Each structure stands twice: as structure tokens, then as C-alpha cells.
Amino acid sequence: MLKRYWVLVLGLFFSLAIQAEVIDKTQPYQMMKQVAEKSFARLKAEQPKIHENPEYLKVIVEEELMPYINEQYAALKLLGTHLQGANREEVGQFITAFRAYMVTSYAQALTQYNDQRVEFAPEVPVPEGRRITGVQVELIDPPRPNVKIEFRLRQERNGEWKGFDMIAEGISLLSSKQSEWSGKIRQDGILAVAKELQRLSEQPIRFESESQ
């Protein structure tokens, strides 16, 4: 249901690596707006290589997106109350597997790219001392209706911001995954879910036409 929303959030983050030397990552709104202006141009330019080898999307995600995502914070937030009394080694394996799962999930979502664009809502200043903020955008993907999205970012100790979640039409992607996996974690344990995530992360990237 949220597949096409993933496409746009990925596009917003992609140009971070390309423009890292000129983007001020201590300003979340300006950072997101700058990267959005260049992200889809890169995806469009890479389409021939991507269609020749869809696995190349994993390379792009790994090199250009993951350095700007706080996967550890996202994984620990997803585990939530399951962290109480958890084995630290198993938690570490879960974080590693969750990261790999994110790479594959993002890469698979990018097979849906079709020249989408975004429009940013007016900037809302981050209150002094607040380390979590949101950047709101509207997704323009004709002929479908426009969709409102909020990207959630967290400020690191060095003052820079990294993404960890997005809320599409009121649905938190992180919370939805938490609901999906919470029962299995409770029943089978963190390590079992980590192994399942690792298995899912090893799935090949395919375009929909190839999987039919």
C-alpha cells in the first residue's frame, strides 16, 4: 500500500551524497528541499543501467542513501518494549539484519520510479532543544490523488539530521512494521525475526513485469 510513497522518500534522500559538500545538514528543511531538487534527475539518468541490472539499485541505496539514515535508532525504536531484558548480541544482529532489509526494501521500491515529484509545505522552525522534527511535503503522482507525507528526522549529537521514519496519510511506516513484527518477536524472539529479515534482504530485485 505504501510502495509508491517509498519511491518519493528515497528520491528525496538520494542527492545527499552527491551534494554533501554544499548541503547544510544541520538545517533539516533546507537540506530536504535541496536534495529533492536533484534526486529524480539522478534516478532518471540511471534508468538504463538499472533496467539492465536491477540489483544495481542495492548499490545505489547502499552508497547514496544509507549514510543519511539512522538505521540503529529506527531498529531500536521498532523493537520498543522488546528491548527490556534483551540479549545485546541478539539486538546487534537485529540491527544489522534490519539495515540489510531496509536496503533491499528501498531498492525494490525504486523499481516503481516513474518521474514523480514533490512540493514542500512552508518551513516550520525547529524549537530550541528539540531533536525530532518533521518535514512535510505533498506527493504529485498523476493521475493518482496527491498524498501528504511527513518525513521524520532526528538530530545527531554532531548537530546533523538523519531520517528514520515517514508518515504517509497518517500512517507511520515504522509503526506499521512494529505492528507487523511485534507478535513474532514476542513469540519467537528477536533472533528469529533477525534471521527472517536477513532472509528477506537476500531477495533479488525485480520489476513487476519480471515477477508476473
N, C-alpha and C. Protein backbone atom coordinates (compact mmCIF):
# COMPACT_ATOMS: atom_id res chain seq x y z
N MET A 1 0.81 -1.20 0.00
CA MET A 1 0.00 0.00 0.00
C MET A 1 0.85 1.26 0.00
N LEU A 2 1.97 1.20 0.69
CA LEU A 2 2.82 2.39 0.80
C LEU A 2 3.99 2.37 -0.18
N LYS A 3 3.95 1.43 -1.14
CA LYS A 3 5.11 1.24 -2.01
C LYS A 3 5.49 2.52 -2.75
N ARG A 4 4.49 3.19 -3.34
CA ARG A 4 4.83 4.36 -4.14
C ARG A 4 5.31 5.52 -3.27
N TYR A 5 4.92 5.53 -1.98
CA TYR A 5 5.42 6.58 -1.09
C TYR A 5 6.91 6.40 -0.83
N TRP A 6 7.31 5.13 -0.75
CA TRP A 6 8.74 4.85 -0.54
C TRP A 6 9.56 5.43 -1.68
N VAL A 7 9.04 5.35 -2.90
CA VAL A 7 9.78 5.85 -4.05
C VAL A 7 10.16 7.30 -3.85
N LEU A 8 9.23 8.10 -3.36
CA LEU A 8 9.49 9.52 -3.23
C LEU A 8 10.40 9.85 -2.06
N VAL A 9 10.26 9.14 -0.96
CA VAL A 9 11.16 9.41 0.16
C VAL A 9 12.59 9.06 -0.23
N LEU A 10 12.75 8.00 -1.01
CA LEU A 10 14.09 7.63 -1.44
C LEU A 10 14.66 8.68 -2.37
N GLY A 11 13.83 9.16 -3.26
CA GLY A 11 14.29 10.19 -4.17
C GLY A 11 14.76 11.43 -3.44
N LEU A 12 14.07 11.78 -2.36
CA LEU A 12 14.45 12.96 -1.59
C LEU A 12 15.83 12.81 -0.96
N PHE A 13 16.16 11.61 -0.56
CA PHE A 13 17.43 11.40 0.12
C PHE A 13 18.61 11.19 -0.83
N PHE A 14 18.35 10.77 -2.06
CA PHE A 14 19.42 10.30 -2.92
C PHE A 14 20.52 11.30 -3.19
N SER A 15 20.20 12.56 -3.39
CA SER A 15 21.22 13.52 -3.76
C SER A 15 22.07 13.99 -2.60
N LEU A 16 21.79 13.51 -1.40
CA LEU A 16 22.60 13.90 -0.24
C LEU A 16 24.07 13.59 -0.48
N ALA A 17 24.36 12.41 -0.97
CA ALA A 17 25.75 12.02 -1.17
C ALA A 17 26.38 12.84 -2.29
N ILE A 18 25.59 13.12 -3.34
CA ILE A 18 26.11 13.87 -4.48
C ILE A 18 26.46 15.30 -4.07
N GLN A 19 25.61 15.91 -3.24
CA GLN A 19 25.77 17.31 -2.91
C GLN A 19 26.21 17.53 -1.45
N ALA A 20 26.81 16.51 -0.84
CA ALA A 20 27.13 16.58 0.58
C ALA A 20 28.00 17.77 0.93
N GLU A 21 28.89 18.17 0.01
CA GLU A 21 29.81 19.24 0.32
C GLU A 21 29.15 20.61 0.33
N VAL A 22 27.93 20.75 -0.23
CA VAL A 22 27.28 22.06 -0.27
C VAL A 22 25.98 22.09 0.51
N ILE A 23 25.52 20.96 0.98
CA ILE A 23 24.27 20.92 1.72
C ILE A 23 24.54 21.03 3.22
N ASP A 24 23.85 21.94 3.87
CA ASP A 24 23.98 22.12 5.31
C ASP A 24 23.04 21.15 6.01
N LYS A 25 23.60 20.06 6.52
CA LYS A 25 22.78 19.01 7.14
C LYS A 25 22.35 19.35 8.56
N THR A 26 22.70 20.55 9.02
CA THR A 26 22.21 20.99 10.33
C THR A 26 20.87 21.72 10.19
N GLN A 27 20.42 21.92 8.96
CA GLN A 27 19.14 22.59 8.69
C GLN A 27 18.24 21.60 7.96
N PRO A 28 17.36 20.90 8.67
CA PRO A 28 16.61 19.79 8.07
C PRO A 28 15.73 20.18 6.89
N TYR A 29 15.03 21.30 7.00
CA TYR A 29 14.12 21.69 5.91
C TYR A 29 14.90 22.04 4.65
N GLN A 30 15.90 22.90 4.79
CA GLN A 30 16.69 23.30 3.64
C GLN A 30 17.40 22.10 3.03
N MET A 31 17.88 21.21 3.88
CA MET A 31 18.57 20.01 3.40
C MET A 31 17.63 19.18 2.53
N MET A 32 16.42 18.90 3.04
CA MET A 32 15.48 18.08 2.30
C MET A 32 15.07 18.75 0.99
N LYS A 33 14.89 20.05 1.02
CA LYS A 33 14.47 20.75 -0.19
C LYS A 33 15.57 20.73 -1.25
N GLN A 34 16.81 20.91 -0.82
CA GLN A 34 17.91 20.88 -1.77
C GLN A 34 18.05 19.52 -2.42
N VAL A 35 17.99 18.48 -1.63
CA VAL A 35 18.21 17.15 -2.21
C VAL A 35 17.05 16.76 -3.12
N ALA A 36 15.84 17.24 -2.82
CA ALA A 36 14.68 16.91 -3.66
C ALA A 36 14.86 17.46 -5.07
N GLU A 37 15.50 18.61 -5.20
CA GLU A 37 15.66 19.26 -6.49
C GLU A 37 16.53 18.44 -7.45
N LYS A 38 17.39 17.59 -6.90
CA LYS A 38 18.32 16.85 -7.74
C LYS A 38 18.09 15.34 -7.76
N SER A 39 17.29 14.85 -6.83
CA SER A 39 17.19 13.40 -6.66
C SER A 39 16.64 12.68 -7.88
N PHE A 40 15.53 13.15 -8.43
CA PHE A 40 14.90 12.43 -9.53
C PHE A 40 15.70 12.55 -10.82
N ALA A 41 16.47 13.61 -10.95
CA ALA A 41 17.34 13.72 -12.12
C ALA A 41 18.34 12.58 -12.14
N ARG A 42 18.83 12.22 -10.96
CA ARG A 42 19.78 11.11 -10.91
C ARG A 42 19.11 9.78 -11.23
N LEU A 43 17.95 9.55 -10.63
CA LEU A 43 17.23 8.31 -10.92
C LEU A 43 16.93 8.17 -12.41
N LYS A 44 16.51 9.27 -13.02
CA LYS A 44 16.20 9.25 -14.44
C LYS A 44 17.44 8.91 -15.26
N ALA A 45 18.58 9.48 -14.88
CA ALA A 45 19.82 9.23 -15.61
C ALA A 45 20.30 7.80 -15.47
N GLU A 46 19.97 7.15 -14.34
CA GLU A 46 20.45 5.79 -14.08
C GLU A 46 19.52 4.70 -14.63
N GLN A 47 18.38 5.07 -15.20
CA GLN A 47 17.41 4.07 -15.61
C GLN A 47 17.94 2.99 -16.56
N PRO A 48 18.72 3.32 -17.58
CA PRO A 48 19.22 2.25 -18.46
C PRO A 48 20.03 1.19 -17.71
N LYS A 49 20.92 1.62 -16.85
CA LYS A 49 21.74 0.68 -16.09
C LYS A 49 20.88 -0.12 -15.11
N ILE A 50 19.90 0.53 -14.51
CA ILE A 50 19.02 -0.13 -13.55
C ILE A 50 18.21 -1.22 -14.23
N HIS A 51 17.68 -0.92 -15.40
CA HIS A 51 16.86 -1.91 -16.11
C HIS A 51 17.71 -3.07 -16.63
N GLU A 52 18.96 -2.79 -16.92
CA GLU A 52 19.87 -3.86 -17.34
C GLU A 52 20.20 -4.78 -16.18
N ASN A 53 20.34 -4.20 -14.98
CA ASN A 53 20.69 -4.98 -13.79
C ASN A 53 19.99 -4.38 -12.58
N PRO A 54 18.76 -4.83 -12.26
CA PRO A 54 18.01 -4.27 -11.14
C PRO A 54 18.75 -4.33 -9.81
N GLU A 55 19.67 -5.30 -9.64
CA GLU A 55 20.43 -5.39 -8.39
C GLU A 55 21.29 -4.15 -8.16
N TYR A 56 21.54 -3.40 -9.23
CA TYR A 56 22.32 -2.17 -9.11
C TYR A 56 21.63 -1.17 -8.18
N LEU A 57 20.31 -1.29 -8.03
CA LEU A 57 19.59 -0.41 -7.11
C LEU A 57 20.08 -0.58 -5.68
N LYS A 58 20.46 -1.80 -5.31
CA LYS A 58 21.00 -2.02 -3.97
C LYS A 58 22.31 -1.26 -3.78
N VAL A 59 23.12 -1.22 -4.81
CA VAL A 59 24.39 -0.49 -4.74
C VAL A 59 24.12 1.00 -4.55
N ILE A 60 23.17 1.53 -5.31
CA ILE A 60 22.83 2.95 -5.19
C ILE A 60 22.32 3.27 -3.79
N VAL A 61 21.43 2.42 -3.29
CA VAL A 61 20.89 2.64 -1.95
C VAL A 61 22.00 2.60 -0.90
N GLU A 62 22.86 1.60 -1.01
CA GLU A 62 23.94 1.44 -0.04
C GLU A 62 24.88 2.63 -0.04
N GLU A 63 25.23 3.09 -1.22
CA GLU A 63 26.23 4.16 -1.33
C GLU A 63 25.65 5.55 -1.11
N GLU A 64 24.43 5.77 -1.55
CA GLU A 64 23.89 7.13 -1.57
C GLU A 64 22.83 7.42 -0.52
N LEU A 65 22.14 6.40 -0.05
CA LEU A 65 21.05 6.64 0.89
C LEU A 65 21.40 6.30 2.33
N MET A 66 21.95 5.10 2.55
CA MET A 66 22.12 4.62 3.91
C MET A 66 23.00 5.50 4.79
N PRO A 67 24.00 6.21 4.25
CA PRO A 67 24.78 7.10 5.13
C PRO A 67 23.95 8.20 5.76
N TYR A 68 22.73 8.42 5.27
CA TYR A 68 21.91 9.52 5.76
C TYR A 68 20.65 9.03 6.46
N ILE A 69 20.62 7.75 6.79
CA ILE A 69 19.53 7.15 7.53
C ILE A 69 20.08 6.63 8.86
N ASN A 70 19.40 6.90 9.95
CA ASN A 70 19.81 6.39 11.26
C ASN A 70 19.11 5.05 11.49
N GLU A 71 19.67 4.01 10.87
CA GLU A 71 19.03 2.69 10.95
C GLU A 71 19.06 2.10 12.35
N GLN A 72 20.07 2.46 13.15
CA GLN A 72 20.14 1.94 14.51
C GLN A 72 19.00 2.51 15.36
N TYR A 73 18.79 3.81 15.24
CA TYR A 73 17.69 4.42 16.00
C TYR A 73 16.35 3.85 15.56
N ALA A 74 16.18 3.69 14.26
CA ALA A 74 14.93 3.14 13.74
C ALA A 74 14.71 1.72 14.23
N ALA A 75 15.77 0.89 14.21
CA ALA A 75 15.64 -0.51 14.64
C ALA A 75 15.31 -0.60 16.12
N LEU A 76 15.97 0.20 16.94
CA LEU A 76 15.71 0.16 18.38
C LEU A 76 14.31 0.69 18.69
N LYS A 77 13.88 1.69 17.96
CA LYS A 77 12.53 2.22 18.15
C LYS A 77 11.50 1.16 17.75
N LEU A 78 11.81 0.41 16.71
CA LEU A 78 10.91 -0.65 16.27
C LEU A 78 10.80 -1.74 17.33
N LEU A 79 11.92 -2.10 17.95
CA LEU A 79 11.91 -3.14 18.99
C LEU A 79 11.12 -2.68 20.22
N GLY A 80 11.21 -1.40 20.54
CA GLY A 80 10.41 -0.85 21.63
C GLY A 80 10.57 -1.59 22.93
N THR A 81 9.46 -2.04 23.52
CA THR A 81 9.48 -2.70 24.82
C THR A 81 10.20 -4.05 24.79
N HIS A 82 10.41 -4.61 23.60
CA HIS A 82 11.11 -5.89 23.50
C HIS A 82 12.59 -5.76 23.87
N LEU A 83 13.06 -4.52 23.99
CA LEU A 83 14.45 -4.29 24.39
C LEU A 83 14.69 -4.61 25.86
N GLN A 84 13.64 -4.58 26.66
CA GLN A 84 13.78 -4.82 28.09
C GLN A 84 14.25 -6.26 28.34
N GLY A 85 15.44 -6.37 28.91
CA GLY A 85 16.00 -7.68 29.21
C GLY A 85 16.51 -8.44 28.01
N ALA A 86 16.57 -7.79 26.84
CA ALA A 86 17.01 -8.47 25.62
C ALA A 86 18.52 -8.72 25.64
N ASN A 87 18.93 -9.78 24.96
CA ASN A 87 20.34 -10.10 24.79
C ASN A 87 20.97 -9.07 23.85
N ARG A 88 22.06 -8.43 24.27
CA ARG A 88 22.66 -7.35 23.48
C ARG A 88 23.18 -7.85 22.15
N GLU A 89 23.71 -9.08 22.14
CA GLU A 89 24.22 -9.63 20.88
C GLU A 89 23.09 -9.85 19.89
N GLU A 90 21.95 -10.34 20.38
CA GLU A 90 20.79 -10.55 19.51
C GLU A 90 20.26 -9.22 18.99
N VAL A 91 20.26 -8.21 19.84
CA VAL A 91 19.83 -6.88 19.40
C VAL A 91 20.76 -6.37 18.30
N GLY A 92 22.05 -6.58 18.47
CA GLY A 92 23.01 -6.18 17.45
C GLY A 92 22.76 -6.88 16.13
N GLN A 93 22.44 -8.17 16.19
CA GLN A 93 22.14 -8.91 14.97
C GLN A 93 20.86 -8.40 14.32
N PHE A 94 19.90 -8.01 15.16
CA PHE A 94 18.65 -7.47 14.64
C PHE A 94 18.91 -6.15 13.89
N ILE A 95 19.73 -5.28 14.47
CA ILE A 95 20.04 -4.00 13.83
C ILE A 95 20.72 -4.24 12.48
N THR A 96 21.67 -5.18 12.45
CA THR A 96 22.37 -5.49 11.20
C THR A 96 21.40 -6.03 10.15
N ALA A 97 20.54 -6.95 10.56
CA ALA A 97 19.57 -7.54 9.62
C ALA A 97 18.55 -6.51 9.17
N PHE A 98 18.13 -5.64 10.09
CA PHE A 98 17.16 -4.61 9.74
C PHE A 98 17.74 -3.65 8.72
N ARG A 99 19.01 -3.33 8.87
CA ARG A 99 19.67 -2.45 7.90
C ARG A 99 19.68 -3.10 6.52
N ALA A 100 20.04 -4.38 6.46
CA ALA A 100 20.06 -5.09 5.18
C ALA A 100 18.67 -5.15 4.56
N TYR A 101 17.68 -5.35 5.42
CA TYR A 101 16.29 -5.39 4.95
C TYR A 101 15.88 -4.03 4.37
N MET A 102 16.30 -2.95 5.02
CA MET A 102 16.00 -1.61 4.52
C MET A 102 16.60 -1.40 3.13
N VAL A 103 17.83 -1.83 2.94
CA VAL A 103 18.50 -1.66 1.65
C VAL A 103 17.70 -2.35 0.55
N THR A 104 17.30 -3.60 0.79
CA THR A 104 16.54 -4.34 -0.21
C THR A 104 15.16 -3.74 -0.42
N SER A 105 14.51 -3.34 0.68
CA SER A 105 13.17 -2.75 0.57
C SER A 105 13.20 -1.45 -0.23
N TYR A 106 14.17 -0.60 0.06
CA TYR A 106 14.29 0.65 -0.67
C TYR A 106 14.59 0.39 -2.15
N ALA A 107 15.50 -0.55 -2.40
CA ALA A 107 15.86 -0.86 -3.78
C ALA A 107 14.65 -1.38 -4.55
N GLN A 108 13.88 -2.26 -3.94
CA GLN A 108 12.68 -2.80 -4.60
C GLN A 108 11.66 -1.69 -4.85
N ALA A 109 11.50 -0.79 -3.88
CA ALA A 109 10.56 0.32 -4.06
C ALA A 109 10.94 1.20 -5.23
N LEU A 110 12.22 1.34 -5.48
CA LEU A 110 12.68 2.22 -6.54
C LEU A 110 12.39 1.67 -7.93
N THR A 111 12.01 0.41 -8.04
CA THR A 111 11.58 -0.10 -9.34
C THR A 111 10.27 0.56 -9.78
N GLN A 112 9.59 1.24 -8.83
CA GLN A 112 8.34 1.91 -9.13
C GLN A 112 8.54 3.34 -9.63
N TYR A 113 9.80 3.78 -9.73
CA TYR A 113 10.06 5.17 -10.13
C TYR A 113 9.45 5.47 -11.50
N ASN A 114 8.73 6.60 -11.57
CA ASN A 114 8.10 6.99 -12.83
C ASN A 114 7.95 8.50 -12.91
N ASP A 115 9.05 9.19 -12.68
CA ASP A 115 9.09 10.65 -12.84
C ASP A 115 8.16 11.38 -11.88
N GLN A 116 8.06 10.91 -10.64
CA GLN A 116 7.24 11.60 -9.64
C GLN A 116 7.93 12.88 -9.16
N ARG A 117 7.16 13.77 -8.54
CA ARG A 117 7.75 14.99 -7.98
C ARG A 117 7.06 15.31 -6.65
N VAL A 118 7.64 16.28 -5.91
CA VAL A 118 7.10 16.67 -4.61
C VAL A 118 7.03 18.18 -4.50
N GLU A 119 6.12 18.64 -3.65
CA GLU A 119 6.03 20.05 -3.31
C GLU A 119 6.12 20.18 -1.80
N PHE A 120 6.96 21.08 -1.32
CA PHE A 120 7.19 21.26 0.11
C PHE A 120 6.20 22.24 0.72
N ALA A 121 5.74 21.92 1.91
CA ALA A 121 4.94 22.85 2.70
C ALA A 121 5.88 23.94 3.23
N PRO A 122 5.33 25.09 3.66
CA PRO A 122 6.19 26.14 4.24
C PRO A 122 7.01 25.60 5.41
N GLU A 123 8.20 26.13 5.56
CA GLU A 123 9.09 25.69 6.63
C GLU A 123 8.53 26.03 8.00
N VAL A 124 8.64 25.08 8.93
CA VAL A 124 8.28 25.30 10.33
C VAL A 124 9.57 25.21 11.14
N PRO A 125 10.01 26.31 11.77
CA PRO A 125 11.26 26.28 12.52
C PRO A 125 11.26 25.21 13.62
N VAL A 126 12.41 24.58 13.84
CA VAL A 126 12.55 23.58 14.88
C VAL A 126 12.76 24.30 16.22
N PRO A 127 11.89 24.05 17.21
CA PRO A 127 12.07 24.71 18.51
C PRO A 127 13.43 24.38 19.12
N GLU A 128 13.97 25.31 19.86
CA GLU A 128 15.26 25.15 20.52
C GLU A 128 15.24 23.92 21.42
N GLY A 129 16.24 23.07 21.24
CA GLY A 129 16.37 21.89 22.08
C GLY A 129 15.63 20.66 21.59
N ARG A 130 14.81 20.79 20.59
CA ARG A 130 14.07 19.63 20.07
C ARG A 130 14.95 18.84 19.10
N ARG A 131 15.01 17.53 19.28
CA ARG A 131 15.89 16.70 18.44
C ARG A 131 15.12 15.87 17.42
N ILE A 132 13.80 15.92 17.46
CA ILE A 132 12.97 15.23 16.48
C ILE A 132 12.15 16.27 15.75
N THR A 133 12.11 16.20 14.42
CA THR A 133 11.30 17.15 13.67
C THR A 133 10.72 16.46 12.44
N GLY A 134 9.81 17.13 11.80
CA GLY A 134 9.20 16.61 10.59
C GLY A 134 9.25 17.63 9.47
N VAL A 135 9.39 17.14 8.26
CA VAL A 135 9.35 17.99 7.07
C VAL A 135 8.18 17.49 6.23
N GLN A 136 7.22 18.38 5.97
CA GLN A 136 6.00 17.97 5.28
C GLN A 136 6.07 18.30 3.80
N VAL A 137 5.61 17.35 2.99
CA VAL A 137 5.58 17.52 1.55
C VAL A 137 4.27 16.95 1.01
N GLU A 138 3.97 17.30 -0.23
CA GLU A 138 2.83 16.72 -0.93
C GLU A 138 3.35 16.02 -2.16
N LEU A 139 2.96 14.76 -2.33
CA LEU A 139 3.42 13.96 -3.45
C LEU A 139 2.53 14.18 -4.66
N ILE A 140 3.14 14.51 -5.78
CA ILE A 140 2.41 14.74 -7.03
C ILE A 140 2.72 13.57 -7.95
N ASP A 141 1.72 12.72 -8.16
CA ASP A 141 1.94 11.49 -8.92
C ASP A 141 0.71 11.20 -9.80
N PRO A 142 0.44 12.09 -10.80
CA PRO A 142 -0.75 11.92 -11.64
C PRO A 142 -0.76 10.55 -12.33
N PRO A 143 -1.96 9.98 -12.55
CA PRO A 143 -3.29 10.58 -12.30
C PRO A 143 -3.82 10.30 -10.90
N ARG A 144 -2.99 9.77 -10.01
CA ARG A 144 -3.45 9.48 -8.65
C ARG A 144 -3.65 10.77 -7.87
N PRO A 145 -4.47 10.74 -6.82
CA PRO A 145 -4.64 11.92 -5.97
C PRO A 145 -3.33 12.28 -5.27
N ASN A 146 -3.13 13.56 -4.97
CA ASN A 146 -1.96 13.99 -4.22
C ASN A 146 -1.99 13.36 -2.82
N VAL A 147 -0.81 13.13 -2.26
CA VAL A 147 -0.70 12.47 -0.96
C VAL A 147 0.20 13.31 -0.05
N LYS A 148 -0.24 13.53 1.17
CA LYS A 148 0.55 14.29 2.14
C LYS A 148 1.47 13.35 2.90
N ILE A 149 2.74 13.74 3.01
CA ILE A 149 3.77 12.93 3.66
C ILE A 149 4.53 13.80 4.65
N GLU A 150 4.88 13.22 5.77
CA GLU A 150 5.79 13.89 6.71
C GLU A 150 7.00 13.01 6.91
N PHE A 151 8.18 13.55 6.62
CA PHE A 151 9.43 12.85 6.86
C PHE A 151 9.91 13.17 8.27
N ARG A 152 10.22 12.14 9.03
CA ARG A 152 10.68 12.31 10.40
C ARG A 152 12.19 12.22 10.44
N LEU A 153 12.81 13.19 11.08
CA LEU A 153 14.26 13.25 11.20
C LEU A 153 14.66 13.44 12.65
N ARG A 154 15.85 12.96 12.97
CA ARG A 154 16.38 13.08 14.33
C ARG A 154 17.76 13.73 14.27
N GLN A 155 18.00 14.66 15.18
CA GLN A 155 19.28 15.36 15.22
C GLN A 155 20.32 14.53 15.96
N GLU A 156 21.47 14.35 15.33
CA GLU A 156 22.57 13.63 15.94
C GLU A 156 23.33 14.55 16.91
N ARG A 157 24.23 13.96 17.66
CA ARG A 157 24.99 14.76 18.63
C ARG A 157 25.88 15.79 17.96
N ASN A 158 26.26 15.53 16.69
CA ASN A 158 27.11 16.49 15.97
C ASN A 158 26.29 17.61 15.33
N GLY A 159 24.98 17.62 15.58
CA GLY A 159 24.12 18.67 15.06
C GLY A 159 23.49 18.38 13.72
N GLU A 160 23.92 17.30 13.07
CA GLU A 160 23.35 16.94 11.77
C GLU A 160 22.08 16.12 11.96
N TRP A 161 21.24 16.13 10.92
CA TRP A 161 19.96 15.43 10.97
C TRP A 161 19.99 14.20 10.08
N LYS A 162 19.32 13.13 10.54
CA LYS A 162 19.19 11.91 9.74
C LYS A 162 17.74 11.43 9.80
N GLY A 163 17.29 10.85 8.69
CA GLY A 163 15.94 10.34 8.63
C GLY A 163 15.80 9.00 9.33
N PHE A 164 14.60 8.73 9.87
CA PHE A 164 14.35 7.43 10.49
C PHE A 164 12.94 6.91 10.25
N ASP A 165 12.03 7.76 9.74
CA ASP A 165 10.66 7.31 9.54
C ASP A 165 9.95 8.28 8.61
N MET A 166 8.80 7.85 8.07
CA MET A 166 7.93 8.76 7.35
C MET A 166 6.50 8.39 7.65
N ILE A 167 5.64 9.40 7.60
CA ILE A 167 4.21 9.22 7.88
C ILE A 167 3.45 9.57 6.61
N ALA A 168 2.81 8.58 6.02
CA ALA A 168 2.06 8.77 4.77
C ALA A 168 0.58 8.69 5.07
N GLU A 169 -0.13 9.82 4.84
CA GLU A 169 -1.56 9.87 5.10
C GLU A 169 -1.90 9.35 6.50
N GLY A 170 -1.10 9.77 7.48
CA GLY A 170 -1.34 9.42 8.88
C GLY A 170 -0.79 8.08 9.31
N ILE A 171 -0.15 7.34 8.40
CA ILE A 171 0.36 6.01 8.74
C ILE A 171 1.89 6.07 8.83
N SER A 172 2.41 5.77 10.01
CA SER A 172 3.86 5.71 10.21
C SER A 172 4.39 4.40 9.67
N LEU A 173 5.37 4.50 8.78
CA LEU A 173 5.95 3.28 8.20
C LEU A 173 6.62 2.45 9.28
N LEU A 174 7.29 3.12 10.21
CA LEU A 174 7.98 2.41 11.29
C LEU A 174 6.98 1.73 12.22
N SER A 175 5.91 2.44 12.55
CA SER A 175 4.89 1.86 13.43
C SER A 175 4.19 0.68 12.78
N SER A 176 3.97 0.76 11.46
CA SER A 176 3.31 -0.34 10.77
C SER A 176 4.19 -1.58 10.80
N LYS A 177 5.50 -1.42 10.65
CA LYS A 177 6.41 -2.56 10.72
C LYS A 177 6.49 -3.09 12.15
N GLN A 178 6.41 -2.20 13.12
CA GLN A 178 6.41 -2.62 14.52
C GLN A 178 5.20 -3.50 14.80
N SER A 179 4.05 -3.09 14.30
CA SER A 179 2.84 -3.89 14.48
C SER A 179 2.95 -5.23 13.77
N GLU A 180 3.57 -5.21 12.60
CA GLU A 180 3.70 -6.42 11.80
C GLU A 180 4.59 -7.46 12.47
N TRP A 181 5.67 -7.02 13.11
CA TRP A 181 6.66 -7.95 13.64
C TRP A 181 6.58 -8.16 15.15
N SER A 182 5.82 -7.33 15.85
CA SER A 182 5.81 -7.40 17.31
C SER A 182 5.38 -8.78 17.83
N GLY A 183 4.33 -9.33 17.23
CA GLY A 183 3.84 -10.63 17.68
C GLY A 183 4.88 -11.73 17.51
N LYS A 184 5.57 -11.70 16.37
CA LYS A 184 6.58 -12.72 16.10
C LYS A 184 7.78 -12.57 17.04
N ILE A 185 8.14 -11.33 17.33
CA ILE A 185 9.24 -11.10 18.29
C ILE A 185 8.85 -11.65 19.65
N ARG A 186 7.64 -11.38 20.06
CA ARG A 186 7.16 -11.85 21.37
C ARG A 186 7.09 -13.38 21.42
N GLN A 187 6.69 -13.98 20.32
CA GLN A 187 6.52 -15.43 20.29
C GLN A 187 7.83 -16.19 20.04
N ASP A 188 8.61 -15.71 19.06
CA ASP A 188 9.79 -16.46 18.63
C ASP A 188 11.12 -15.84 19.05
N GLY A 189 11.08 -14.56 19.47
CA GLY A 189 12.30 -13.91 19.92
C GLY A 189 12.94 -13.02 18.87
N ILE A 190 13.79 -12.14 19.34
CA ILE A 190 14.45 -11.16 18.47
C ILE A 190 15.32 -11.84 17.42
N LEU A 191 16.05 -12.87 17.81
CA LEU A 191 16.97 -13.53 16.88
C LEU A 191 16.21 -14.16 15.72
N ALA A 192 15.07 -14.77 15.99
CA ALA A 192 14.28 -15.40 14.92
C ALA A 192 13.83 -14.37 13.90
N VAL A 193 13.40 -13.21 14.37
CA VAL A 193 12.97 -12.15 13.46
C VAL A 193 14.17 -11.59 12.70
N ALA A 194 15.31 -11.49 13.36
CA ALA A 194 16.52 -11.02 12.68
C ALA A 194 16.87 -11.95 11.52
N LYS A 195 16.76 -13.25 11.74
CA LYS A 195 17.05 -14.22 10.67
C LYS A 195 16.06 -14.10 9.53
N GLU A 196 14.79 -13.84 9.86
CA GLU A 196 13.78 -13.66 8.82
C GLU A 196 14.06 -12.40 8.01
N LEU A 197 14.46 -11.32 8.68
CA LEU A 197 14.79 -10.09 7.98
C LEU A 197 15.99 -10.28 7.07
N GLN A 198 16.98 -11.05 7.55
CA GLN A 198 18.15 -11.32 6.73
C GLN A 198 17.76 -12.11 5.48
N ARG A 199 16.86 -13.07 5.66
CA ARG A 199 16.39 -13.86 4.52
C ARG A 199 15.69 -12.96 3.50
N LEU A 200 14.83 -12.07 4.00
CA LEU A 200 14.12 -11.16 3.11
C LEU A 200 15.08 -10.21 2.40
N SER A 201 16.14 -9.83 3.08
CA SER A 201 17.11 -8.90 2.49
C SER A 201 17.87 -9.51 1.33
N GLU A 202 17.89 -10.82 1.25
CA GLU A 202 18.63 -11.51 0.19
C GLU A 202 17.79 -11.77 -1.04
N GLN A 203 16.53 -11.32 -1.02
CA GLN A 203 15.66 -11.49 -2.18
C GLN A 203 16.16 -10.62 -3.33
N PRO A 204 16.15 -11.14 -4.56
CA PRO A 204 16.60 -10.34 -5.71
C PRO A 204 15.62 -9.22 -6.02
N ILE A 205 16.13 -8.16 -6.60
CA ILE A 205 15.30 -7.04 -7.02
C ILE A 205 14.70 -7.34 -8.39
N ARG A 206 13.39 -7.17 -8.48
CA ARG A 206 12.69 -7.46 -9.75
C ARG A 206 11.70 -6.35 -10.06
N PHE A 207 11.58 -6.04 -11.33
CA PHE A 207 10.49 -5.18 -11.77
C PHE A 207 9.21 -6.00 -11.83
N GLU A 208 8.06 -5.35 -11.63
CA GLU A 208 6.80 -6.07 -11.56
C GLU A 208 6.56 -6.92 -12.80
N SER A 209 6.93 -6.43 -13.96
CA SER A 209 6.72 -7.18 -15.20
C SER A 209 7.51 -8.47 -15.22
N GLU A 210 8.66 -8.48 -14.48
CA GLU A 210 9.51 -9.67 -14.46
C GLU A 210 8.98 -10.72 -13.50
N SER A 211 8.20 -10.29 -12.48
CA SER A 211 7.73 -11.22 -11.46
C SER A 211 6.38 -11.82 -11.79
N GLN A 212 5.78 -11.38 -12.90
CA GLN A 212 4.46 -11.90 -13.27
C GLN A 212 4.60 -13.16 -14.11
